[in-house]
PDB file of all heavy atoms in Angstrom:
ATOM      1  N   GLU A   1       0.852  -1.196   0.048  1.00  0.00           N
ATOM      2  CA  GLU A   1      -0.029   0.058  -0.011  1.00  0.00           C
ATOM      3  C   GLU A   1       0.802   1.242   0.011  1.00  0.00           C
ATOM      4  O   GLU A   1       0.530   2.207  -0.668  1.00  0.00           O
ATOM      5  CB  GLU A   1      -0.929  -0.014   1.171  1.00  0.00           C
ATOM      6  CG  GLU A   1      -2.025  -1.090   1.133  1.00  0.00           C
ATOM      7  CD  GLU A   1      -3.107  -0.924   2.125  1.00  0.00           C
ATOM      8  OE1 GLU A   1      -3.503   0.254   2.416  1.00  0.00           O
ATOM      9  OE2 GLU A   1      -3.638  -1.915   2.746  1.00  0.00           O
ATOM     10  N   VAL A   2       1.963   1.213   0.793  1.00  0.00           N
ATOM     11  CA  VAL A   2       2.836   2.421   0.842  1.00  0.00           C
ATOM     12  C   VAL A   2       3.413   2.647  -0.610  1.00  0.00           C
ATOM     13  O   VAL A   2       3.576   3.704  -1.094  1.00  0.00           O
ATOM     14  CB  VAL A   2       3.960   2.260   1.903  1.00  0.00           C
ATOM     15  CG1 VAL A   2       5.053   3.276   1.685  1.00  0.00           C
ATOM     16  CG2 VAL A   2       3.310   2.306   3.319  1.00  0.00           C
ATOM     17  N   ALA A   3       3.869   1.486  -1.245  1.00  0.00           N
ATOM     18  CA  ALA A   3       4.373   1.646  -2.589  1.00  0.00           C
ATOM     19  C   ALA A   3       3.463   2.324  -3.601  1.00  0.00           C
ATOM     20  O   ALA A   3       3.915   2.908  -4.539  1.00  0.00           O
ATOM     21  CB  ALA A   3       4.867   0.211  -3.036  1.00  0.00           C
ATOM     22  N   LEU A   4       2.189   2.026  -3.367  1.00  0.00           N
ATOM     23  CA  LEU A   4       1.155   2.521  -4.275  1.00  0.00           C
ATOM     24  C   LEU A   4       0.944   4.117  -4.098  1.00  0.00           C
ATOM     25  O   LEU A   4       0.218   4.689  -4.948  1.00  0.00           O
ATOM     26  CB  LEU A   4      -0.187   1.877  -4.147  1.00  0.00           C
ATOM     27  CG  LEU A   4      -0.207   0.427  -4.565  1.00  0.00           C
ATOM     28  CD1 LEU A   4      -1.525  -0.252  -4.162  1.00  0.00           C
ATOM     29  CD2 LEU A   4      -0.064   0.283  -6.107  1.00  0.00           C
ATOM     30  N   CYS A   5       1.453   4.678  -3.064  1.00  0.00           N
ATOM     31  CA  CYS A   5       1.158   6.064  -2.784  1.00  0.00           C
ATOM     32  C   CYS A   5       1.916   7.021  -3.703  1.00  0.00           C
ATOM     33  O   CYS A   5       1.474   8.234  -3.762  1.00  0.00           O
ATOM     34  CB  CYS A   5       1.529   6.318  -1.310  1.00  0.00           C
ATOM     35  SG  CYS A   5       0.343   5.658  -0.147  1.00  0.00           S
ATOM     36  N   GLY A   6       2.960   6.647  -4.354  1.00  0.00           N
ATOM     37  CA  GLY A   6       3.565   7.509  -5.309  1.00  0.00           C
ATOM     38  C   GLY A   6       4.015   8.893  -4.694  1.00  0.00           C
ATOM     39  O   GLY A   6       4.725   8.874  -3.683  1.00  0.00           O
ATOM     40  N   ASN A   7       3.519   9.970  -5.292  1.00  0.00           N
ATOM     41  CA  ASN A   7       3.850  11.327  -4.777  1.00  0.00           C
ATOM     42  C   ASN A   7       2.802  11.832  -3.864  1.00  0.00           C
ATOM     43  O   ASN A   7       2.771  13.107  -3.638  1.00  0.00           O
ATOM     44  CB  ASN A   7       4.106  12.210  -6.043  1.00  0.00           C
ATOM     45  CG  ASN A   7       5.295  11.953  -6.806  1.00  0.00           C
ATOM     46  OD1 ASN A   7       6.380  11.562  -6.191  1.00  0.00           O
ATOM     47  ND2 ASN A   7       5.294  11.947  -8.081  1.00  0.00           N
ATOM     48  N   ALA A   8       1.912  11.046  -3.314  1.00  0.00           N
ATOM     49  CA  ALA A   8       0.798  11.486  -2.570  1.00  0.00           C
ATOM     50  C   ALA A   8       1.365  12.297  -1.321  1.00  0.00           C
ATOM     51  O   ALA A   8       0.773  13.289  -1.014  1.00  0.00           O
ATOM     52  CB  ALA A   8      -0.025  10.318  -2.030  1.00  0.00           C
ATOM     53  N   TRP A   9       2.479  11.835  -0.805  1.00  0.00           N
ATOM     54  CA  TRP A   9       2.929  12.582   0.382  1.00  0.00           C
ATOM     55  C   TRP A   9       3.166  14.031   0.117  1.00  0.00           C
ATOM     56  O   TRP A   9       2.726  15.000   0.757  1.00  0.00           O
ATOM     57  CB  TRP A   9       4.304  11.965   0.867  1.00  0.00           C
ATOM     58  CG  TRP A   9       4.381  10.491   0.663  1.00  0.00           C
ATOM     59  CD1 TRP A   9       5.252   9.886  -0.225  1.00  0.00           C
ATOM     60  CD2 TRP A   9       3.693   9.461   1.359  1.00  0.00           C
ATOM     61  NE1 TRP A   9       5.028   8.528  -0.135  1.00  0.00           N
ATOM     62  CE2 TRP A   9       4.174   8.218   0.819  1.00  0.00           C
ATOM     63  CE3 TRP A   9       2.803   9.470   2.353  1.00  0.00           C
ATOM     64  CZ2 TRP A   9       3.725   6.957   1.250  1.00  0.00           C
ATOM     65  CZ3 TRP A   9       2.337   8.203   2.812  1.00  0.00           C
ATOM     66  CH2 TRP A   9       2.777   7.018   2.308  1.00  0.00           C
ATOM     67  N   LYS A  10       3.948  14.270  -1.015  1.00  0.00           N
ATOM     68  CA  LYS A  10       4.263  15.612  -1.429  1.00  0.00           C
ATOM     69  C   LYS A  10       3.082  16.438  -1.804  1.00  0.00           C
ATOM     70  O   LYS A  10       2.907  17.649  -1.438  1.00  0.00           O
ATOM     71  CB  LYS A  10       5.323  15.588  -2.600  1.00  0.00           C
ATOM     72  CG  LYS A  10       5.867  16.960  -3.012  1.00  0.00           C
ATOM     73  CD  LYS A  10       6.862  16.774  -4.181  1.00  0.00           C
ATOM     74  CE  LYS A  10       8.061  15.963  -3.787  1.00  0.00           C
ATOM     75  NZ  LYS A  10       9.073  16.014  -4.850  1.00  0.00           N
ATOM     76  N   LEU A  11       2.218  15.836  -2.567  1.00  0.00           N
ATOM     77  CA  LEU A  11       1.001  16.519  -3.029  1.00  0.00           C
ATOM     78  C   LEU A  11       0.059  17.058  -1.950  1.00  0.00           C
ATOM     79  O   LEU A  11      -0.535  18.065  -1.967  1.00  0.00           O
ATOM     80  CB  LEU A  11       0.194  15.602  -3.990  1.00  0.00           C
ATOM     81  CG  LEU A  11       0.830  15.275  -5.343  1.00  0.00           C
ATOM     82  CD1 LEU A  11      -0.009  14.278  -6.104  1.00  0.00           C
ATOM     83  CD2 LEU A  11       1.049  16.589  -6.209  1.00  0.00           C
ATOM     84  N   LEU A  12      -0.033  16.224  -0.849  1.00  0.00           N
ATOM     85  CA  LEU A  12      -0.891  16.488   0.232  1.00  0.00           C
ATOM     86  C   LEU A  12      -0.269  17.273   1.377  1.00  0.00           C
ATOM     87  O   LEU A  12      -1.001  17.688   2.421  1.00  0.00           O
ATOM     88  CB  LEU A  12      -1.499  15.222   0.822  1.00  0.00           C
ATOM     89  CG  LEU A  12      -2.465  14.430  -0.199  1.00  0.00           C
ATOM     90  CD1 LEU A  12      -2.750  13.060   0.324  1.00  0.00           C
ATOM     91  CD2 LEU A  12      -3.707  15.219  -0.478  1.00  0.00           C
ATOM     92  N   GLY A  13       1.068  17.530   1.306  1.00  0.00           N
ATOM     93  CA  GLY A  13       1.754  18.314   2.409  1.00  0.00           C
ATOM     94  C   GLY A  13       2.208  17.442   3.549  1.00  0.00           C
ATOM     95  O   GLY A  13       2.318  17.842   4.656  1.00  0.00           O
ATOM     96  N   LEU A  14       2.617  16.223   3.177  1.00  0.00           N
ATOM     97  CA  LEU A  14       3.036  15.219   4.241  1.00  0.00           C
ATOM     98  C   LEU A  14       4.543  14.952   4.150  1.00  0.00           C
ATOM     99  O   LEU A  14       5.119  14.972   3.096  1.00  0.00           O
ATOM    100  CB  LEU A  14       2.306  13.924   4.045  1.00  0.00           C
ATOM    101  CG  LEU A  14       0.731  13.996   4.205  1.00  0.00           C
ATOM    102  CD1 LEU A  14       0.105  12.622   3.699  1.00  0.00           C
ATOM    103  CD2 LEU A  14       0.347  14.250   5.608  1.00  0.00           C
ATOM    104  N   ASN A  15       5.036  14.591   5.264  1.00  0.00           N
ATOM    105  CA  ASN A  15       6.464  14.022   5.336  1.00  0.00           C
ATOM    106  C   ASN A  15       6.334  12.560   4.923  1.00  0.00           C
ATOM    107  O   ASN A  15       5.293  11.939   4.762  1.00  0.00           O
ATOM    108  CB  ASN A  15       6.916  14.124   6.783  1.00  0.00           C
ATOM    109  CG  ASN A  15       8.415  14.224   6.793  1.00  0.00           C
ATOM    110  OD1 ASN A  15       9.124  13.891   5.874  1.00  0.00           O
ATOM    111  ND2 ASN A  15       8.962  14.693   7.895  1.00  0.00           N
ATOM    112  N   LYS A  16       7.525  11.887   4.768  1.00  0.00           N
ATOM    113  CA  LYS A  16       7.571  10.437   4.475  1.00  0.00           C
ATOM    114  C   LYS A  16       6.993   9.743   5.694  1.00  0.00           C
ATOM    115  O   LYS A  16       7.261  10.182   6.828  1.00  0.00           O
ATOM    116  CB  LYS A  16       8.901  10.003   4.033  1.00  0.00           C
ATOM    117  CG  LYS A  16       9.356  10.441   2.674  1.00  0.00           C
ATOM    118  CD  LYS A  16       8.446   9.747   1.583  1.00  0.00           C
ATOM    119  CE  LYS A  16       8.827  10.162   0.174  1.00  0.00           C
ATOM    120  NZ  LYS A  16      10.096   9.586  -0.247  1.00  0.00           N
ATOM    121  N   PRO A  17       6.469   8.487   5.571  1.00  0.00           N
ATOM    122  CA  PRO A  17       5.825   7.790   6.627  1.00  0.00           C
ATOM    123  C   PRO A  17       6.807   7.071   7.535  1.00  0.00           C
ATOM    124  O   PRO A  17       7.866   6.534   7.059  1.00  0.00           O
ATOM    125  CB  PRO A  17       4.925   6.844   5.984  1.00  0.00           C
ATOM    126  CG  PRO A  17       5.521   6.598   4.641  1.00  0.00           C
ATOM    127  CD  PRO A  17       6.147   7.833   4.252  1.00  0.00           C
ATOM    128  N   ASP A  18       6.502   6.850   8.776  1.00  0.00           N
ATOM    129  CA  ASP A  18       7.096   5.891   9.663  1.00  0.00           C
ATOM    130  C   ASP A  18       6.190   4.794   9.810  1.00  0.00           C
ATOM    131  O   ASP A  18       5.003   4.934  10.096  1.00  0.00           O
ATOM    132  CB  ASP A  18       7.298   6.567  11.075  1.00  0.00           C
ATOM    133  CG  ASP A  18       8.434   7.640  11.035  1.00  0.00           C
ATOM    134  OD1 ASP A  18       9.393   7.441  10.313  1.00  0.00           O
ATOM    135  OD2 ASP A  18       8.231   8.608  11.761  1.00  0.00           O
ATOM    136  N   ILE A  19       6.699   3.542   9.605  1.00  0.00           N
ATOM    137  CA  ILE A  19       5.910   2.350   9.598  1.00  0.00           C
ATOM    138  C   ILE A  19       6.384   1.362  10.762  1.00  0.00           C
ATOM    139  O   ILE A  19       7.662   1.064  10.808  1.00  0.00           O
ATOM    140  CB  ILE A  19       5.976   1.501   8.277  1.00  0.00           C
ATOM    141  CG1 ILE A  19       5.526   2.490   7.134  1.00  0.00           C
ATOM    142  CG2 ILE A  19       5.040   0.284   8.386  1.00  0.00           C
ATOM    143  CD1 ILE A  19       5.831   2.015   5.787  1.00  0.00           C
ATOM    144  N   ILE A  20       5.506   1.084  11.697  1.00  0.00           N
ATOM    145  CA  ILE A  20       5.933   0.116  12.792  1.00  0.00           C
ATOM    146  C   ILE A  20       4.924  -1.044  12.673  1.00  0.00           C
ATOM    147  O   ILE A  20       3.730  -0.879  12.652  1.00  0.00           O
ATOM    148  CB  ILE A  20       5.785   0.854  14.108  1.00  0.00           C
ATOM    149  CG1 ILE A  20       6.735   1.995  14.164  1.00  0.00           C
ATOM    150  CG2 ILE A  20       6.038  -0.155  15.278  1.00  0.00           C
ATOM    151  CD1 ILE A  20       6.622   2.853  15.441  1.00  0.00           C
ATOM    152  N   CYS A  21       5.523  -2.226  12.698  1.00  0.00           N
ATOM    153  CA  CYS A  21       4.769  -3.473  12.589  1.00  0.00           C
ATOM    154  C   CYS A  21       4.632  -4.077  13.942  1.00  0.00           C
ATOM    155  O   CYS A  21       5.597  -4.019  14.764  1.00  0.00           O
ATOM    156  CB  CYS A  21       5.376  -4.433  11.622  1.00  0.00           C
ATOM    157  SG  CYS A  21       5.333  -3.801   9.887  1.00  0.00           S
ATOM    158  N   GLU A  22       3.517  -4.674  14.248  1.00  0.00           N
ATOM    159  CA  GLU A  22       3.275  -5.264  15.502  1.00  0.00           C
ATOM    160  C   GLU A  22       2.541  -6.583  15.322  1.00  0.00           C
ATOM    161  O   GLU A  22       1.744  -6.724  14.384  1.00  0.00           O
ATOM    162  CB  GLU A  22       2.314  -4.366  16.259  1.00  0.00           C
ATOM    163  CG  GLU A  22       1.962  -4.806  17.736  1.00  0.00           C
ATOM    164  CD  GLU A  22       3.074  -4.531  18.707  1.00  0.00           C
ATOM    165  OE1 GLU A  22       3.701  -3.397  18.747  1.00  0.00           O
ATOM    166  OE2 GLU A  22       3.277  -5.406  19.530  1.00  0.00           O
ATOM    167  N   THR A  23       2.885  -7.584  16.171  1.00  0.00           N
ATOM    168  CA  THR A  23       2.171  -8.861  16.104  1.00  0.00           C
ATOM    169  C   THR A  23       1.259  -8.960  17.333  1.00  0.00           C
ATOM    170  O   THR A  23       1.666  -8.821  18.536  1.00  0.00           O
ATOM    171  CB  THR A  23       3.211 -10.032  16.143  1.00  0.00           C
ATOM    172  OG1 THR A  23       4.065  -9.926  15.074  1.00  0.00           O
ATOM    173  CG2 THR A  23       2.465 -11.378  16.061  1.00  0.00           C
ATOM    174  N   LEU A  24      -0.053  -9.104  17.112  1.00  0.00           N
ATOM    175  CA  LEU A  24      -0.987  -9.277  18.197  1.00  0.00           C
ATOM    176  C   LEU A  24      -0.822 -10.642  18.785  1.00  0.00           C
ATOM    177  O   LEU A  24      -0.240 -11.567  18.254  1.00  0.00           O
ATOM    178  CB  LEU A  24      -2.400  -9.184  17.631  1.00  0.00           C
ATOM    179  CG  LEU A  24      -2.799  -7.779  16.914  1.00  0.00           C
ATOM    180  CD1 LEU A  24      -4.187  -7.843  16.392  1.00  0.00           C
ATOM    181  CD2 LEU A  24      -2.561  -6.713  17.925  1.00  0.00           C
ATOM    182  N   PRO A  25      -1.354 -10.885  20.025  1.00  0.00           N
ATOM    183  CA  PRO A  25      -1.160 -12.141  20.719  1.00  0.00           C
ATOM    184  C   PRO A  25      -1.770 -13.289  19.887  1.00  0.00           C
ATOM    185  O   PRO A  25      -1.314 -14.469  20.152  1.00  0.00           O
ATOM    186  CB  PRO A  25      -1.921 -11.896  22.056  1.00  0.00           C
ATOM    187  CG  PRO A  25      -1.857 -10.467  22.306  1.00  0.00           C
ATOM    188  CD  PRO A  25      -1.962  -9.778  20.910  1.00  0.00           C
ATOM    189  N   ASN A  26      -2.679 -13.133  19.040  1.00  0.00           N
ATOM    190  CA  ASN A  26      -3.144 -14.119  18.192  1.00  0.00           C
ATOM    191  C   ASN A  26      -2.368 -14.380  16.858  1.00  0.00           C
ATOM    192  O   ASN A  26      -2.778 -15.078  15.961  1.00  0.00           O
ATOM    193  CB  ASN A  26      -4.681 -13.922  17.925  1.00  0.00           C
ATOM    194  CG  ASN A  26      -4.880 -12.671  17.134  1.00  0.00           C
ATOM    195  OD1 ASN A  26      -3.871 -11.978  16.730  1.00  0.00           O
ATOM    196  ND2 ASN A  26      -6.110 -12.220  16.870  1.00  0.00           N
ATOM    197  N   ASN A  27      -1.166 -13.725  16.849  1.00  0.00           N
ATOM    198  CA  ASN A  27      -0.299 -13.759  15.651  1.00  0.00           C
ATOM    199  C   ASN A  27      -0.781 -12.969  14.481  1.00  0.00           C
ATOM    200  O   ASN A  27      -0.169 -13.104  13.394  1.00  0.00           O
ATOM    201  CB  ASN A  27       0.091 -15.206  15.274  1.00  0.00           C
ATOM    202  CG  ASN A  27       0.937 -15.910  16.358  1.00  0.00           C
ATOM    203  OD1 ASN A  27       1.809 -15.253  16.967  1.00  0.00           O
ATOM    204  ND2 ASN A  27       0.645 -17.137  16.641  1.00  0.00           N
ATOM    205  N   GLU A  28      -1.851 -12.296  14.592  1.00  0.00           N
ATOM    206  CA  GLU A  28      -2.207 -11.360  13.462  1.00  0.00           C
ATOM    207  C   GLU A  28      -1.221 -10.239  13.377  1.00  0.00           C
ATOM    208  O   GLU A  28      -0.715  -9.751  14.418  1.00  0.00           O
ATOM    209  CB  GLU A  28      -3.649 -10.877  13.652  1.00  0.00           C
ATOM    210  CG  GLU A  28      -4.790 -11.877  13.367  1.00  0.00           C
ATOM    211  CD  GLU A  28      -6.124 -11.300  13.307  1.00  0.00           C
ATOM    212  OE1 GLU A  28      -6.312 -10.078  13.013  1.00  0.00           O
ATOM    213  OE2 GLU A  28      -7.070 -12.006  13.505  1.00  0.00           O
TER     214      GLU A  28
END
């Protein structure tokens, strides 16, 4: 999904994203 964003960050006035992944207790 991040790869699909293209230049959306710049067009909308955003910085580049920070992405943090987490595993829930049920492994989701």
